[in-house]
Amino acid sequence: MTIKQDLEATWTIEAIDRLRELAVEHVPAELIATAMHRPEEQIRQKAAELGLSLEIESTTH
């Protein structure tokens, strides 16, 4: 595991709180990933682990 992968795999209390906040605000998973500088899959995995529902960004206009 690289240092970057190790850091990405680490979830601080602050990062978990931020994920919870964004999920409650119905921010799409893709945008949460960008905001938190983490892969979207990692965001989805942690959200599932925490029992959080994530929005799927709508492609309709």
PDB file of N, CA and C in Angstrom:
ATOM      1  N   MET A   1       0.852  -1.175   0.000  1.00  0.00           N
ATOM      2  CA  MET A   1       0.000   0.000   0.000  1.00  0.00           C
ATOM      3  C   MET A   1       0.899   1.239   0.000  1.00  0.00           C
ATOM      4  N   THR A   2       0.570   2.196  -0.881  1.00  0.00           N
ATOM      5  CA  THR A   2       1.353   3.431  -0.929  1.00  0.00           C
ATOM      6  C   THR A   2       0.916   4.362   0.190  1.00  0.00           C
ATOM      7  N   ILE A   3       1.704   5.385   0.424  1.00  0.00           N
ATOM      8  CA  ILE A   3       1.345   6.366   1.456  1.00  0.00           C
ATOM      9  C   ILE A   3       0.004   7.005   1.116  1.00  0.00           C
ATOM     10  N   LYS A   4      -0.201   7.354  -0.158  1.00  0.00           N
ATOM     11  CA  LYS A   4      -1.467   7.958  -0.571  1.00  0.00           C
ATOM     12  C   LYS A   4      -2.634   7.016  -0.298  1.00  0.00           C
ATOM     13  N   GLN A   5      -2.494   5.741  -0.650  1.00  0.00           N
ATOM     14  CA  GLN A   5      -3.560   4.776  -0.405  1.00  0.00           C
ATOM     15  C   GLN A   5      -3.819   4.626   1.085  1.00  0.00           C
ATOM     16  N   ASP A   6      -2.755   4.636   1.883  1.00  0.00           N
ATOM     17  CA  ASP A   6      -2.898   4.514   3.326  1.00  0.00           C
ATOM     18  C   ASP A   6      -3.671   5.700   3.885  1.00  0.00           C
ATOM     19  N   LEU A   7      -3.346   6.909   3.425  1.00  0.00           N
ATOM     20  CA  LEU A   7      -4.047   8.103   3.892  1.00  0.00           C
ATOM     21  C   LEU A   7      -5.505   8.081   3.451  1.00  0.00           C
ATOM     22  N   GLU A   8      -5.755   7.633   2.228  1.00  0.00           N
ATOM     23  CA  GLU A   8      -7.125   7.557   1.740  1.00  0.00           C
ATOM     24  C   GLU A   8      -7.947   6.544   2.531  1.00  0.00           C
ATOM     25  N   ALA A   9      -7.312   5.500   3.007  1.00  0.00           N
ATOM     26  CA  ALA A   9      -8.015   4.456   3.744  1.00  0.00           C
ATOM     27  C   ALA A   9      -8.302   4.865   5.184  1.00  0.00           C
ATOM     28  N   THR A  10      -7.616   5.886   5.673  1.00  0.00           N
ATOM     29  CA  THR A  10      -7.786   6.340   7.044  1.00  0.00           C
ATOM     30  C   THR A  10      -8.972   7.292   7.139  1.00  0.00           C
ATOM     31  N   TRP A  11      -9.855   7.014   8.063  1.00  0.00           N
ATOM     32  CA  TRP A  11     -11.015   7.873   8.274  1.00  0.00           C
ATOM     33  C   TRP A  11     -10.931   8.488   9.666  1.00  0.00           C
ATOM     34  N   THR A  12     -10.725   9.789   9.721  1.00  0.00           N
ATOM     35  CA  THR A  12     -10.722  10.486  11.003  1.00  0.00           C
ATOM     36  C   THR A  12     -12.165  10.740  11.425  1.00  0.00           C
ATOM     37  N   ILE A  13     -12.344  11.075  12.669  1.00  0.00           N
ATOM     38  CA  ILE A  13     -13.679  11.431  13.158  1.00  0.00           C
ATOM     39  C   ILE A  13     -14.210  12.628  12.377  1.00  0.00           C
ATOM     40  N   GLU A  14     -13.324  13.580  12.096  1.00  0.00           N
ATOM     41  CA  GLU A  14     -13.729  14.772  11.345  1.00  0.00           C
ATOM     42  C   GLU A  14     -14.198  14.402   9.937  1.00  0.00           C
ATOM     43  N   ALA A  15     -13.484  13.486   9.283  1.00  0.00           N
ATOM     44  CA  ALA A  15     -13.866  13.068   7.930  1.00  0.00           C
ATOM     45  C   ALA A  15     -15.209  12.339   7.948  1.00  0.00           C
ATOM     46  N   ILE A  16     -15.425  11.517   8.944  1.00  0.00           N
ATOM     47  CA  ILE A  16     -16.705  10.810   9.071  1.00  0.00           C
ATOM     48  C   ILE A  16     -17.831  11.804   9.321  1.00  0.00           C
ATOM     49  N   ASP A  17     -17.591  12.779  10.180  1.00  0.00           N
ATOM     50  CA  ASP A  17     -18.599  13.810  10.440  1.00  0.00           C
ATOM     51  C   ASP A  17     -18.935  14.575   9.163  1.00  0.00           C
ATOM     52  N   ARG A  18     -17.917  14.899   8.378  1.00  0.00           N
ATOM     53  CA  ARG A  18     -18.123  15.630   7.121  1.00  0.00           C
ATOM     54  C   ARG A  18     -18.930  14.775   6.144  1.00  0.00           C
ATOM     55  N   LEU A  19     -18.609  13.499   6.058  1.00  0.00           N
ATOM     56  CA  LEU A  19     -19.365  12.599   5.192  1.00  0.00           C
ATOM     57  C   LEU A  19     -20.828  12.558   5.619  1.00  0.00           C
ATOM     58  N   ARG A  20     -21.075  12.451   6.907  1.00  0.00           N
ATOM     59  CA  ARG A  20     -22.451  12.444   7.419  1.00  0.00           C
ATOM     60  C   ARG A  20     -23.181  13.738   7.046  1.00  0.00           C
ATOM     61  N   GLU A  21     -22.511  14.880   7.249  1.00  0.00           N
ATOM     62  CA  GLU A  21     -23.118  16.181   6.932  1.00  0.00           C
ATOM     63  C   GLU A  21     -23.512  16.263   5.462  1.00  0.00           C
ATOM     64  N   LEU A  22     -22.588  15.880   4.595  1.00  0.00           N
ATOM     65  CA  LEU A  22     -22.851  15.973   3.163  1.00  0.00           C
ATOM     66  C   LEU A  22     -23.945  15.003   2.730  1.00  0.00           C
ATOM     67  N   ALA A  23     -23.969  13.822   3.320  1.00  0.00           N
ATOM     68  CA  ALA A  23     -25.007  12.843   2.988  1.00  0.00           C
ATOM     69  C   ALA A  23     -26.385  13.358   3.407  1.00  0.00           C
ATOM     70  N   VAL A  24     -26.469  13.948   4.592  1.00  0.00           N
ATOM     71  CA  VAL A  24     -27.737  14.495   5.085  1.00  0.00           C
ATOM     72  C   VAL A  24     -28.217  15.642   4.194  1.00  0.00           C
ATOM     73  N   GLU A  25     -27.266  16.385   3.619  1.00  0.00           N
ATOM     74  CA  GLU A  25     -27.604  17.497   2.717  1.00  0.00           C
ATOM     75  C   GLU A  25     -27.912  17.014   1.299  1.00  0.00           C
ATOM     76  N   HIS A  26     -27.927  15.698   1.097  1.00  0.00           N
ATOM     77  CA  HIS A  26     -28.246  15.074  -0.194  1.00  0.00           C
ATOM     78  C   HIS A  26     -27.257  15.450  -1.299  1.00  0.00           C
ATOM     79  N   VAL A  27     -26.000  15.631  -0.921  1.00  0.00           N
ATOM     80  CA  VAL A  27     -24.951  15.896  -1.902  1.00  0.00           C
ATOM     81  C   VAL A  27     -24.630  14.572  -2.601  1.00  0.00           C
ATOM     82  N   PRO A  28     -24.572  14.565  -3.932  1.00  0.00           N
ATOM     83  CA  PRO A  28     -24.263  13.320  -4.654  1.00  0.00           C
ATOM     84  C   PRO A  28     -22.885  12.762  -4.280  1.00  0.00           C
ATOM     85  N   ALA A  29     -22.778  11.452  -4.311  1.00  0.00           N
ATOM     86  CA  ALA A  29     -21.534  10.769  -3.933  1.00  0.00           C
ATOM     87  C   ALA A  29     -20.337  11.272  -4.726  1.00  0.00           C
ATOM     88  N   GLU A  30     -20.527  11.530  -6.002  1.00  0.00           N
ATOM     89  CA  GLU A  30     -19.432  12.014  -6.847  1.00  0.00           C
ATOM     90  C   GLU A  30     -18.884  13.348  -6.332  1.00  0.00           C
ATOM     91  N   LEU A  31     -19.771  14.240  -5.907  1.00  0.00           N
ATOM     92  CA  LEU A  31     -19.337  15.540  -5.397  1.00  0.00           C
ATOM     93  C   LEU A  31     -18.704  15.421  -4.016  1.00  0.00           C
ATOM     94  N   ILE A  32     -19.213  14.509  -3.201  1.00  0.00           N
ATOM     95  CA  ILE A  32     -18.598  14.268  -1.897  1.00  0.00           C
ATOM     96  C   ILE A  32     -17.170  13.777  -2.098  1.00  0.00           C
ATOM     97  N   ALA A  33     -16.995  12.861  -3.031  1.00  0.00           N
ATOM     98  CA  ALA A  33     -15.658  12.326  -3.311  1.00  0.00           C
ATOM     99  C   ALA A  33     -14.706  13.441  -3.721  1.00  0.00           C
ATOM    100  N   THR A  34     -15.164  14.321  -4.581  1.00  0.00           N
ATOM    101  CA  THR A  34     -14.334  15.444  -5.021  1.00  0.00           C
ATOM    102  C   THR A  34     -14.007  16.361  -3.848  1.00  0.00           C
ATOM    103  N   ALA A  35     -15.010  16.692  -3.061  1.00  0.00           N
ATOM    104  CA  ALA A  35     -14.814  17.600  -1.931  1.00  0.00           C
ATOM    105  C   ALA A  35     -13.872  17.024  -0.880  1.00  0.00           C
ATOM    106  N   MET A  36     -13.917  15.703  -0.709  1.00  0.00           N
ATOM    107  CA  MET A  36     -13.114  15.064   0.326  1.00  0.00           C
ATOM    108  C   MET A  36     -11.802  14.491  -0.201  1.00  0.00           C
ATOM    109  N   HIS A  37     -11.571  14.656  -1.508  1.00  0.00           N
ATOM    110  CA  HIS A  37     -10.333  14.168  -2.134  1.00  0.00           C
ATOM    111  C   HIS A  37     -10.135  12.673  -1.907  1.00  0.00           C
ATOM    112  N   ARG A  38     -11.215  11.925  -2.133  1.00  0.00           N
ATOM    113  CA  ARG A  38     -11.198  10.472  -1.978  1.00  0.00           C
ATOM    114  C   ARG A  38     -11.893   9.842  -3.177  1.00  0.00           C
ATOM    115  N   PRO A  39     -11.550   8.605  -3.490  1.00  0.00           N
ATOM    116  CA  PRO A  39     -12.253   7.922  -4.581  1.00  0.00           C
ATOM    117  C   PRO A  39     -13.738   7.745  -4.238  1.00  0.00           C
ATOM    118  N   GLU A  40     -14.588   7.856  -5.244  1.00  0.00           N
ATOM    119  CA  GLU A  40     -16.024   7.714  -5.020  1.00  0.00           C
ATOM    120  C   GLU A  40     -16.359   6.361  -4.397  1.00  0.00           C
ATOM    121  N   GLU A  41     -15.694   5.309  -4.837  1.00  0.00           N
ATOM    122  CA  GLU A  41     -15.958   3.975  -4.286  1.00  0.00           C
ATOM    123  C   GLU A  41     -15.692   3.942  -2.780  1.00  0.00           C
ATOM    124  N   GLN A  42     -14.652   4.626  -2.346  1.00  0.00           N
ATOM    125  CA  GLN A  42     -14.331   4.670  -0.917  1.00  0.00           C
ATOM    126  C   GLN A  42     -15.419   5.420  -0.138  1.00  0.00           C
ATOM    127  N   ILE A  43     -15.937   6.482  -0.740  1.00  0.00           N
ATOM    128  CA  ILE A  43     -17.028   7.239  -0.121  1.00  0.00           C
ATOM    129  C   ILE A  43     -18.252   6.342   0.016  1.00  0.00           C
ATOM    130  N   ARG A  44     -18.574   5.633  -1.047  1.00  0.00           N
ATOM    131  CA  ARG A  44     -19.745   4.750  -1.023  1.00  0.00           C
ATOM    132  C   ARG A  44     -19.583   3.620  -0.002  1.00  0.00           C
ATOM    133  N   GLN A  45     -18.392   3.056   0.073  1.00  0.00           N
ATOM    134  CA  GLN A  45     -18.142   1.975   1.030  1.00  0.00           C
ATOM    135  C   GLN A  45     -18.306   2.465   2.464  1.00  0.00           C
ATOM    136  N   LYS A  46     -17.735   3.624   2.765  1.00  0.00           N
ATOM    137  CA  LYS A  46     -17.822   4.141   4.133  1.00  0.00           C
ATOM    138  C   LYS A  46     -19.263   4.515   4.462  1.00  0.00           C
ATOM    139  N   ALA A  47     -19.961   5.114   3.507  1.00  0.00           N
ATOM    140  CA  ALA A  47     -21.359   5.475   3.732  1.00  0.00           C
ATOM    141  C   ALA A  47     -22.192   4.227   4.032  1.00  0.00           C
ATOM    142  N   ALA A  48     -21.973   3.168   3.281  1.00  0.00           N
ATOM    143  CA  ALA A  48     -22.701   1.916   3.513  1.00  0.00           C
ATOM    144  C   ALA A  48     -22.378   1.359   4.892  1.00  0.00           C
ATOM    145  N   GLU A  49     -21.111   1.424   5.256  1.00  0.00           N
ATOM    146  CA  GLU A  49     -20.679   0.947   6.572  1.00  0.00           C
ATOM    147  C   GLU A  49     -21.373   1.721   7.689  1.00  0.00           C
ATOM    148  N   LEU A  50     -21.612   3.015   7.449  1.00  0.00           N
ATOM    149  CA  LEU A  50     -22.244   3.882   8.447  1.00  0.00           C
ATOM    150  C   LEU A  50     -23.769   3.897   8.338  1.00  0.00           C
ATOM    151  N   GLY A  51     -24.308   3.186   7.341  1.00  0.00           N
ATOM    152  CA  GLY A  51     -25.752   3.156   7.149  1.00  0.00           C
ATOM    153  C   GLY A  51     -26.306   4.432   6.539  1.00  0.00           C
ATOM    154  N   LEU A  52     -25.478   5.148   5.778  1.00  0.00           N
ATOM    155  CA  LEU A  52     -25.898   6.399   5.152  1.00  0.00           C
ATOM    156  C   LEU A  52     -26.354   6.148   3.721  1.00  0.00           C
ATOM    157  N   SER A  53     -27.386   6.859   3.307  1.00  0.00           N
ATOM    158  CA  SER A  53     -27.823   6.810   1.913  1.00  0.00           C
ATOM    159  C   SER A  53     -27.164   7.952   1.169  1.00  0.00           C
ATOM    160  N   LEU A  54     -26.668   7.662  -0.021  1.00  0.00           N
ATOM    161  CA  LEU A  54     -26.044   8.694  -0.838  1.00  0.00           C
ATOM    162  C   LEU A  54     -26.877   8.937  -2.080  1.00  0.00           C
ATOM    163  N   GLU A  55     -26.921  10.188  -2.487  1.00  0.00           N
ATOM    164  CA  GLU A  55     -27.639  10.572  -3.692  1.00  0.00           C
ATOM    165  C   GLU A  55     -26.847  10.154  -4.923  1.00  0.00           C
ATOM    166  N   ILE A  56     -27.565   9.853  -5.953  1.00  0.00           N
ATOM    167  CA  ILE A  56     -26.957   9.600  -7.257  1.00  0.00           C
ATOM    168  C   ILE A  56     -27.233  10.841  -8.082  1.00  0.00           C
ATOM    169  N   GLU A  57     -26.179  11.417  -8.629  1.00  0.00           N
ATOM    170  CA  GLU A  57     -26.341  12.656  -9.384  1.00  0.00           C
ATOM    171  C   GLU A  57     -27.247  12.418 -10.582  1.00  0.00           C
ATOM    172  N   SER A  58     -28.229  13.273 -10.719  1.00  0.00           N
ATOM    173  CA  SER A  58     -29.180  13.157 -11.815  1.00  0.00           C
ATOM    174  C   SER A  58     -28.567  13.658 -13.114  1.00  0.00           C
ATOM    175  N   THR A  59     -28.825  12.925 -14.191  1.00  0.00           N
ATOM    176  CA  THR A  59     -28.313  13.345 -15.491  1.00  0.00           C
ATOM    177  C   THR A  59     -29.399  14.021 -16.314  1.00  0.00           C
ATOM    178  N   THR A  60     -30.606  14.149 -15.762  1.00  0.00           N
ATOM    179  CA  THR A  60     -31.686  14.824 -16.475  1.00  0.00           C
ATOM    180  C   THR A  60     -31.579  16.318 -16.260  1.00  0.00           C
ATOM    181  N   HIS A  61     -31.977  17.071 -17.256  1.00  0.00           N
ATOM    182  CA  HIS A  61     -31.905  18.539 -17.166  1.00  0.00           C
ATOM    183  C   HIS A  61     -33.268  19.138 -17.289  1.00  0.00           C
TER     184      HIS A  61
END
